[in-house]
N, C-alpha and C. Protein backbone atom coordinates (compact mmCIF):
# COMPACT_ATOMS: atom_id res chain seq x y z
N MET A 1 -1.40 -40.05 -12.63
CA MET A 1 -1.14 -38.66 -13.01
C MET A 1 -1.56 -37.73 -11.87
N ASN A 2 -0.70 -36.80 -11.54
CA ASN A 2 -0.99 -35.86 -10.45
C ASN A 2 -1.88 -34.72 -10.95
N THR A 3 -2.88 -34.39 -10.17
CA THR A 3 -3.71 -33.24 -10.50
C THR A 3 -3.01 -31.98 -10.01
N VAL A 4 -3.47 -30.84 -10.47
CA VAL A 4 -2.87 -29.58 -10.01
C VAL A 4 -3.07 -29.41 -8.51
N GLU A 5 -4.19 -29.88 -7.99
CA GLU A 5 -4.44 -29.78 -6.55
C GLU A 5 -3.42 -30.58 -5.76
N GLU A 6 -3.08 -31.77 -6.27
CA GLU A 6 -2.06 -32.59 -5.60
C GLU A 6 -0.69 -31.92 -5.66
N LYS A 7 -0.39 -31.30 -6.80
CA LYS A 7 0.87 -30.57 -6.94
C LYS A 7 0.93 -29.42 -5.94
N ILE A 8 -0.17 -28.69 -5.82
CA ILE A 8 -0.21 -27.56 -4.89
C ILE A 8 0.00 -28.04 -3.46
N LYS A 9 -0.64 -29.13 -3.07
CA LYS A 9 -0.45 -29.67 -1.72
C LYS A 9 1.01 -30.03 -1.48
N LYS A 10 1.63 -30.65 -2.47
CA LYS A 10 3.04 -31.03 -2.35
C LYS A 10 3.92 -29.79 -2.21
N ILE A 11 3.63 -28.78 -3.01
CA ILE A 11 4.40 -27.53 -2.97
C ILE A 11 4.25 -26.86 -1.61
N VAL A 12 3.04 -26.82 -1.08
CA VAL A 12 2.80 -26.20 0.23
C VAL A 12 3.60 -26.94 1.31
N THR A 13 3.61 -28.26 1.27
CA THR A 13 4.37 -29.04 2.24
C THR A 13 5.86 -28.72 2.14
N LEU A 14 6.38 -28.63 0.93
CA LEU A 14 7.79 -28.28 0.74
C LEU A 14 8.09 -26.89 1.30
N ILE A 15 7.20 -25.95 1.06
CA ILE A 15 7.38 -24.58 1.56
C ILE A 15 7.40 -24.57 3.09
N ILE A 16 6.43 -25.24 3.70
CA ILE A 16 6.34 -25.27 5.17
C ILE A 16 7.62 -25.86 5.76
N ASN A 17 8.09 -26.95 5.18
CA ASN A 17 9.29 -27.60 5.69
C ASN A 17 10.56 -26.80 5.45
N SER A 18 10.54 -25.93 4.44
CA SER A 18 11.74 -25.17 4.09
C SER A 18 11.85 -23.83 4.82
N VAL A 19 10.74 -23.08 4.91
CA VAL A 19 10.84 -21.71 5.44
C VAL A 19 9.89 -21.40 6.59
N ASP A 20 9.03 -22.33 6.97
CA ASP A 20 8.17 -22.19 8.15
C ASP A 20 7.39 -20.87 8.20
N PRO A 21 6.57 -20.60 7.17
CA PRO A 21 5.80 -19.35 7.17
C PRO A 21 4.61 -19.40 8.12
N GLN A 22 4.08 -18.23 8.46
CA GLN A 22 2.84 -18.15 9.23
C GLN A 22 1.66 -18.58 8.37
N ARG A 23 1.68 -18.15 7.09
CA ARG A 23 0.60 -18.47 6.16
C ARG A 23 1.16 -18.72 4.76
N VAL A 24 0.47 -19.59 4.04
CA VAL A 24 0.71 -19.80 2.62
C VAL A 24 -0.62 -19.51 1.93
N ILE A 25 -0.58 -18.58 0.98
CA ILE A 25 -1.81 -18.11 0.33
C ILE A 25 -1.72 -18.34 -1.18
N LEU A 26 -2.73 -18.98 -1.72
CA LEU A 26 -2.87 -19.13 -3.17
C LEU A 26 -3.60 -17.90 -3.67
N PHE A 27 -3.07 -17.26 -4.71
CA PHE A 27 -3.76 -16.10 -5.27
C PHE A 27 -3.73 -16.17 -6.79
N GLY A 28 -4.34 -15.21 -7.42
CA GLY A 28 -4.37 -15.20 -8.88
C GLY A 28 -5.52 -16.04 -9.43
N SER A 29 -5.38 -16.46 -10.68
CA SER A 29 -6.48 -17.14 -11.37
C SER A 29 -6.89 -18.45 -10.71
N ARG A 30 -5.95 -19.18 -10.14
CA ARG A 30 -6.32 -20.46 -9.49
C ARG A 30 -7.15 -20.21 -8.23
N ALA A 31 -6.86 -19.15 -7.51
CA ALA A 31 -7.65 -18.83 -6.30
C ALA A 31 -9.04 -18.33 -6.67
N LYS A 32 -9.13 -17.67 -7.82
CA LYS A 32 -10.42 -17.10 -8.25
C LYS A 32 -11.27 -18.10 -9.02
N GLY A 33 -10.72 -19.30 -9.27
CA GLY A 33 -11.46 -20.30 -10.04
C GLY A 33 -11.52 -19.99 -11.52
N LYS A 34 -10.58 -19.18 -12.01
CA LYS A 34 -10.57 -18.79 -13.41
C LYS A 34 -9.35 -19.33 -14.15
N ALA A 35 -8.74 -20.35 -13.61
CA ALA A 35 -7.54 -20.91 -14.22
C ALA A 35 -7.89 -21.72 -15.46
N HIS A 36 -6.97 -21.71 -16.40
CA HIS A 36 -7.09 -22.59 -17.56
C HIS A 36 -5.93 -23.58 -17.51
N LYS A 37 -5.88 -24.46 -18.46
CA LYS A 37 -4.91 -25.55 -18.44
C LYS A 37 -3.47 -25.07 -18.22
N GLY A 38 -3.08 -23.98 -18.82
CA GLY A 38 -1.70 -23.51 -18.73
C GLY A 38 -1.45 -22.47 -17.64
N SER A 39 -2.43 -22.21 -16.80
CA SER A 39 -2.27 -21.19 -15.76
C SER A 39 -1.17 -21.55 -14.78
N ASP A 40 -0.44 -20.52 -14.36
CA ASP A 40 0.60 -20.77 -13.36
C ASP A 40 -0.03 -20.86 -11.97
N ILE A 41 0.81 -21.18 -11.01
CA ILE A 41 0.38 -21.28 -9.61
C ILE A 41 1.04 -20.12 -8.87
N ASP A 42 0.23 -19.21 -8.34
CA ASP A 42 0.74 -18.04 -7.63
C ASP A 42 0.59 -18.27 -6.13
N ILE A 43 1.71 -18.20 -5.43
CA ILE A 43 1.72 -18.46 -3.99
C ILE A 43 2.41 -17.31 -3.26
N ALA A 44 1.75 -16.84 -2.20
CA ALA A 44 2.32 -15.80 -1.34
C ALA A 44 2.66 -16.42 0.01
N LEU A 45 3.82 -16.06 0.52
CA LEU A 45 4.25 -16.49 1.85
C LEU A 45 4.12 -15.29 2.77
N GLU A 46 3.53 -15.51 3.92
CA GLU A 46 3.36 -14.43 4.88
C GLU A 46 3.97 -14.85 6.21
N GLY A 47 4.65 -13.92 6.86
CA GLY A 47 5.18 -14.18 8.19
C GLY A 47 6.42 -15.05 8.21
N CYS A 48 7.28 -14.86 7.23
CA CYS A 48 8.56 -15.58 7.27
C CYS A 48 9.63 -14.64 6.74
N SER A 49 10.78 -14.74 7.32
CA SER A 49 11.89 -13.95 6.81
C SER A 49 12.88 -14.91 6.17
N VAL A 50 13.09 -14.73 4.89
CA VAL A 50 14.01 -15.60 4.17
C VAL A 50 15.07 -14.74 3.50
N THR A 51 16.27 -15.26 3.50
CA THR A 51 17.35 -14.58 2.80
C THR A 51 17.19 -14.84 1.30
N THR A 52 17.90 -14.09 0.51
CA THR A 52 17.87 -14.30 -0.94
C THR A 52 18.33 -15.72 -1.27
N ARG A 53 19.33 -16.17 -0.57
CA ARG A 53 19.85 -17.53 -0.80
C ARG A 53 18.80 -18.59 -0.46
N GLU A 54 18.13 -18.43 0.68
CA GLU A 54 17.08 -19.37 1.08
C GLU A 54 15.92 -19.36 0.08
N PHE A 55 15.59 -18.17 -0.41
CA PHE A 55 14.50 -18.04 -1.37
C PHE A 55 14.85 -18.75 -2.68
N ARG A 56 16.07 -18.58 -3.14
CA ARG A 56 16.51 -19.26 -4.37
C ARG A 56 16.46 -20.77 -4.22
N LYS A 57 16.91 -21.26 -3.07
CA LYS A 57 16.89 -22.70 -2.80
C LYS A 57 15.44 -23.21 -2.77
N LEU A 58 14.57 -22.46 -2.12
CA LEU A 58 13.15 -22.83 -2.07
C LEU A 58 12.58 -22.88 -3.49
N LYS A 59 12.88 -21.89 -4.29
CA LYS A 59 12.38 -21.83 -5.67
C LYS A 59 12.86 -23.03 -6.47
N GLU A 60 14.12 -23.42 -6.28
CA GLU A 60 14.66 -24.61 -6.95
C GLU A 60 13.88 -25.86 -6.57
N ILE A 61 13.66 -26.03 -5.28
CA ILE A 61 12.94 -27.21 -4.77
C ILE A 61 11.51 -27.23 -5.32
N VAL A 62 10.85 -26.09 -5.29
CA VAL A 62 9.47 -26.00 -5.76
C VAL A 62 9.40 -26.24 -7.27
N ASP A 63 10.31 -25.64 -8.02
CA ASP A 63 10.31 -25.83 -9.48
C ASP A 63 10.50 -27.30 -9.84
N GLU A 64 11.35 -27.98 -9.10
CA GLU A 64 11.59 -29.40 -9.35
C GLU A 64 10.32 -30.22 -9.08
N ALA A 65 9.60 -29.86 -8.04
CA ALA A 65 8.40 -30.60 -7.65
C ALA A 65 7.17 -30.26 -8.50
N SER A 66 7.19 -29.10 -9.12
CA SER A 66 5.98 -28.63 -9.81
C SER A 66 5.78 -29.23 -11.19
N GLY A 67 6.80 -29.88 -11.72
CA GLY A 67 6.66 -30.50 -13.03
C GLY A 67 6.40 -29.47 -14.11
N LEU A 68 5.32 -29.66 -14.83
CA LEU A 68 5.00 -28.78 -15.96
C LEU A 68 4.39 -27.45 -15.55
N TYR A 69 4.02 -27.32 -14.29
CA TYR A 69 3.37 -26.10 -13.83
C TYR A 69 4.40 -25.05 -13.44
N SER A 70 4.17 -23.83 -13.88
CA SER A 70 5.01 -22.71 -13.48
C SER A 70 4.50 -22.20 -12.13
N VAL A 71 5.42 -22.00 -11.19
CA VAL A 71 5.04 -21.54 -9.85
C VAL A 71 5.72 -20.21 -9.56
N ASP A 72 4.93 -19.21 -9.23
CA ASP A 72 5.45 -17.91 -8.81
C ASP A 72 5.27 -17.82 -7.30
N ILE A 73 6.35 -17.52 -6.59
CA ILE A 73 6.31 -17.39 -5.14
C ILE A 73 6.73 -15.98 -4.77
N ILE A 74 5.98 -15.36 -3.88
CA ILE A 74 6.36 -14.05 -3.37
C ILE A 74 6.34 -14.09 -1.84
N VAL A 75 7.16 -13.23 -1.26
CA VAL A 75 7.09 -13.00 0.19
C VAL A 75 6.24 -11.75 0.34
N LEU A 76 5.07 -11.91 0.93
CA LEU A 76 4.07 -10.85 0.96
C LEU A 76 4.60 -9.55 1.56
N GLU A 77 5.37 -9.65 2.63
CA GLU A 77 5.88 -8.45 3.29
C GLU A 77 6.85 -7.65 2.41
N LYS A 78 7.35 -8.26 1.35
CA LYS A 78 8.28 -7.56 0.46
C LYS A 78 7.57 -6.91 -0.73
N THR A 79 6.24 -6.92 -0.70
CA THR A 79 5.46 -6.27 -1.76
C THR A 79 4.81 -5.01 -1.19
N ASP A 80 4.27 -4.18 -2.09
CA ASP A 80 3.64 -2.95 -1.59
C ASP A 80 2.30 -3.26 -0.94
N GLU A 81 1.84 -2.33 -0.13
CA GLU A 81 0.64 -2.53 0.67
C GLU A 81 -0.60 -2.80 -0.17
N ALA A 82 -0.73 -2.11 -1.31
CA ALA A 82 -1.90 -2.31 -2.17
C ALA A 82 -1.95 -3.75 -2.67
N PHE A 83 -0.80 -4.28 -3.08
CA PHE A 83 -0.76 -5.66 -3.56
C PHE A 83 -1.03 -6.64 -2.43
N GLN A 84 -0.49 -6.37 -1.25
CA GLN A 84 -0.76 -7.22 -0.09
C GLN A 84 -2.26 -7.30 0.17
N ASN A 85 -2.94 -6.17 0.08
CA ASN A 85 -4.39 -6.14 0.32
C ASN A 85 -5.14 -6.97 -0.71
N ILE A 86 -4.73 -6.89 -1.97
CA ILE A 86 -5.37 -7.68 -3.03
C ILE A 86 -5.22 -9.17 -2.74
N VAL A 87 -4.00 -9.58 -2.39
CA VAL A 87 -3.75 -11.00 -2.11
C VAL A 87 -4.58 -11.46 -0.92
N LYS A 88 -4.63 -10.65 0.12
CA LYS A 88 -5.39 -11.02 1.33
C LYS A 88 -6.89 -11.07 1.07
N GLU A 89 -7.39 -10.18 0.21
CA GLU A 89 -8.82 -10.13 -0.08
C GLU A 89 -9.28 -11.22 -1.05
N THR A 90 -8.44 -11.56 -2.01
CA THR A 90 -8.86 -12.50 -3.06
C THR A 90 -8.22 -13.87 -2.95
N GLY A 91 -7.19 -13.98 -2.11
CA GLY A 91 -6.47 -15.25 -2.01
C GLY A 91 -7.17 -16.29 -1.15
N VAL A 92 -6.67 -17.51 -1.27
CA VAL A 92 -7.18 -18.64 -0.50
C VAL A 92 -6.05 -19.12 0.40
N ILE A 93 -6.29 -19.14 1.71
CA ILE A 93 -5.26 -19.58 2.65
C ILE A 93 -5.16 -21.10 2.56
N LEU A 94 -3.98 -21.58 2.18
CA LEU A 94 -3.73 -23.01 2.06
C LEU A 94 -3.14 -23.59 3.33
N TYR A 95 -2.48 -22.73 4.10
CA TYR A 95 -1.86 -23.16 5.36
C TYR A 95 -1.80 -21.97 6.29
N GLU A 96 -2.08 -22.21 7.55
CA GLU A 96 -1.93 -21.19 8.57
C GLU A 96 -1.38 -21.85 9.82
N LYS A 97 -0.26 -21.32 10.30
CA LYS A 97 0.37 -21.88 11.50
C LYS A 97 -0.53 -21.64 12.70
N LYS A 98 -0.64 -22.67 13.52
CA LYS A 98 -1.49 -22.55 14.71
C LYS A 98 -0.70 -22.15 15.91
């Protein structure tokens, strides 16, 4: 049985291979250590430009890999500055391009 941590690692790998972001950030309840059994997985992508079509395809791939877990993906640059700051302050960087 896959743990949520294993699912997240798999999802991050799929994201990196699909859209090549500068950073992948986990945010929300899982990043804060306040997740419960049914909590979704919130992921922010930073430093990548994706078309709507590419984003939809990525979401399909991630949804297929996530199994029972709901995954919300956002492109950080497409959100308002206040939200970007919250994600950067409270999120956990899962991947950073070197």
